[in-house]
Amino acid sequence: MTEIIYKKESYQIIGKCMEVHNNLGPGFLEIVYKDALEYEFNQAGIPFEREVEYEVNYKDIVLPHKFFADFVVFEKIILEIKGVSGLADEHIAQTINYLKVSGNKLGLLVNFGELKLKYKRLVN
């Protein structure tokens, strides 16, 4: 049986996402959910950084455009927030690419845009 990576930490993160979704529901822009999550993480003492910048290396150069992870939580988990009617393959691909570039092992892709909170665990 495969061990779930960062089980305790991801449980805490998803719990805070559920708290936000239960209070706000669907229909807001992503920025509203990010602001609410920042509040919840601060209240719970969960360490995080918001809008963490990463360089993208291509062959022998660093590309001029960077990517910004919505959150890096516990210094090791990428948290990507969406507020859409449904998660699409490109959202999953985006999160996987963020994991590759950042070197983190776990990404949580969370969608607040549906009646019920939806999320996916993505492992690099």
Protein backbone atom coordinates (compact mmCIF):
# COMPACT_ATOMS: atom_id res chain seq x y z
CA MET A 1 0.00 0.00 0.00
CA THR A 2 1.29 3.44 -0.95
CA GLU A 3 1.84 5.97 1.82
CA ILE A 4 0.01 9.26 1.38
CA ILE A 5 2.57 12.04 1.17
CA TYR A 6 2.11 14.89 3.68
CA LYS A 7 -1.17 13.43 4.88
CA LYS A 8 -1.48 15.50 8.07
CA GLU A 9 -0.54 18.77 6.39
CA SER A 10 -2.80 18.30 3.39
CA TYR A 11 -5.68 17.36 5.70
CA GLN A 12 -5.21 20.68 7.52
CA ILE A 13 -5.07 22.64 4.26
CA ILE A 14 -8.17 20.99 2.80
CA GLY A 15 -9.96 21.53 6.11
CA LYS A 16 -9.30 25.28 5.87
CA CYS A 17 -10.44 25.25 2.24
CA MET A 18 -13.68 23.58 3.33
CA GLU A 19 -14.11 26.20 6.06
CA VAL A 20 -13.78 28.97 3.47
CA HIS A 21 -16.12 27.25 1.02
CA ASN A 22 -18.72 26.59 3.72
CA ASN A 23 -18.72 30.27 4.63
CA LEU A 24 -18.48 31.86 1.18
CA GLY A 25 -19.91 29.24 -1.15
CA PRO A 26 -19.22 29.30 -4.90
CA GLY A 27 -19.35 32.33 -7.16
CA PHE A 28 -16.56 34.63 -6.01
CA LEU A 29 -13.38 35.43 -7.88
CA GLU A 30 -10.30 33.43 -6.92
CA ILE A 31 -8.77 36.43 -5.13
CA VAL A 32 -11.59 36.40 -2.55
CA TYR A 33 -10.93 32.74 -1.70
CA LYS A 34 -7.20 33.44 -1.47
CA ASP A 35 -7.82 36.32 0.94
CA ALA A 36 -10.10 34.14 3.08
CA LEU A 37 -7.55 31.30 3.07
CA GLU A 38 -4.82 33.68 4.14
CA TYR A 39 -7.00 34.69 7.09
CA GLU A 40 -7.71 31.04 8.00
CA PHE A 41 -4.06 30.00 7.74
CA ASN A 42 -3.03 32.91 9.96
CA GLN A 43 -5.71 32.09 12.54
CA ALA A 44 -4.63 28.44 12.64
CA GLY A 45 -0.90 29.17 12.73
CA ILE A 46 -0.35 27.30 9.46
CA PRO A 47 2.88 28.52 7.84
CA PHE A 48 2.45 29.72 4.27
CA GLU A 49 3.72 32.08 1.63
CA ARG A 50 1.41 33.67 -0.92
CA GLU A 51 2.22 34.34 -4.58
CA VAL A 52 5.61 32.64 -4.43
CA GLU A 53 7.72 33.44 -7.49
CA TYR A 54 9.56 30.70 -9.38
CA GLU A 55 11.89 30.94 -12.35
CA VAL A 56 11.38 28.73 -15.37
CA ASN A 57 14.56 27.24 -16.81
CA TYR A 58 14.58 26.37 -20.48
CA LYS A 59 17.63 24.59 -21.86
CA ASP A 60 20.51 26.85 -20.82
CA ILE A 61 18.54 30.02 -19.97
CA VAL A 62 16.08 31.34 -17.44
CA LEU A 63 12.95 32.53 -19.22
CA PRO A 64 12.00 36.17 -18.62
CA HIS A 65 8.51 35.32 -17.35
CA LYS A 66 8.12 33.79 -13.92
CA PHE A 67 5.29 31.78 -12.46
CA PHE A 68 3.61 32.53 -9.16
CA ALA A 69 2.23 29.74 -7.01
CA ASP A 70 -0.95 30.85 -5.25
CA PHE A 71 0.37 29.46 -1.97
CA VAL A 72 3.24 27.36 -0.71
CA VAL A 73 2.08 25.86 2.58
CA PHE A 74 4.33 24.23 5.18
CA GLU A 75 7.25 25.17 2.88
CA LYS A 76 6.55 22.10 0.73
CA ILE A 77 3.00 21.96 -0.65
CA ILE A 78 1.83 23.96 -3.67
CA LEU A 79 -1.78 25.10 -3.25
CA GLU A 80 -3.40 26.21 -6.50
CA ILE A 81 -6.80 27.89 -6.20
CA LYS A 82 -9.52 27.93 -8.85
CA GLY A 83 -13.01 29.40 -8.91
CA VAL A 84 -14.40 27.74 -12.04
CA SER A 85 -17.44 25.64 -12.90
CA GLY A 86 -15.27 22.53 -13.17
CA LEU A 87 -11.63 21.53 -13.13
CA ALA A 88 -10.15 20.91 -16.57
CA ASP A 89 -7.10 19.01 -17.78
CA GLU A 90 -5.21 22.29 -18.25
CA HIS A 91 -5.65 23.10 -14.52
CA ILE A 92 -4.11 19.76 -13.65
CA ALA A 93 -1.28 20.26 -16.16
CA GLN A 94 -0.63 23.74 -14.75
CA THR A 95 -0.31 22.41 -11.21
CA ILE A 96 1.95 19.55 -12.32
CA ASN A 97 4.20 22.05 -14.11
CA TYR A 98 4.30 24.20 -10.97
CA LEU A 99 5.47 21.15 -9.04
CA LYS A 100 8.21 20.46 -11.58
CA VAL A 101 9.50 24.03 -11.57
CA SER A 102 9.31 24.44 -7.79
CA GLY A 103 10.76 21.05 -6.88
CA ASN A 104 7.91 20.41 -4.43
CA LYS A 105 6.44 16.92 -4.24
CA LEU A 106 2.75 17.64 -3.55
CA GLY A 107 0.28 19.97 -5.19
CA LEU A 108 -3.28 20.54 -4.08
CA LEU A 109 -5.56 21.86 -6.80
CA VAL A 110 -8.70 23.22 -5.15
CA ASN A 111 -11.81 24.50 -6.92
CA PHE A 112 -14.18 26.76 -5.02
CA GLY A 113 -16.42 27.36 -8.06
CA GLU A 114 -18.75 24.39 -7.59
CA LEU A 115 -21.56 23.77 -5.09
CA LYS A 116 -19.31 21.27 -3.32
CA LEU A 117 -15.59 21.96 -2.84
CA LYS A 118 -13.55 19.86 -5.27
CA TYR A 119 -9.86 19.12 -4.96
CA LYS A 120 -7.15 16.93 -6.42
CA ARG A 121 -3.88 15.77 -4.91
CA LEU A 122 -1.08 15.81 -7.47
CA VAL A 123 2.26 14.19 -6.70
CA ASN A 124 5.49 15.00 -8.56
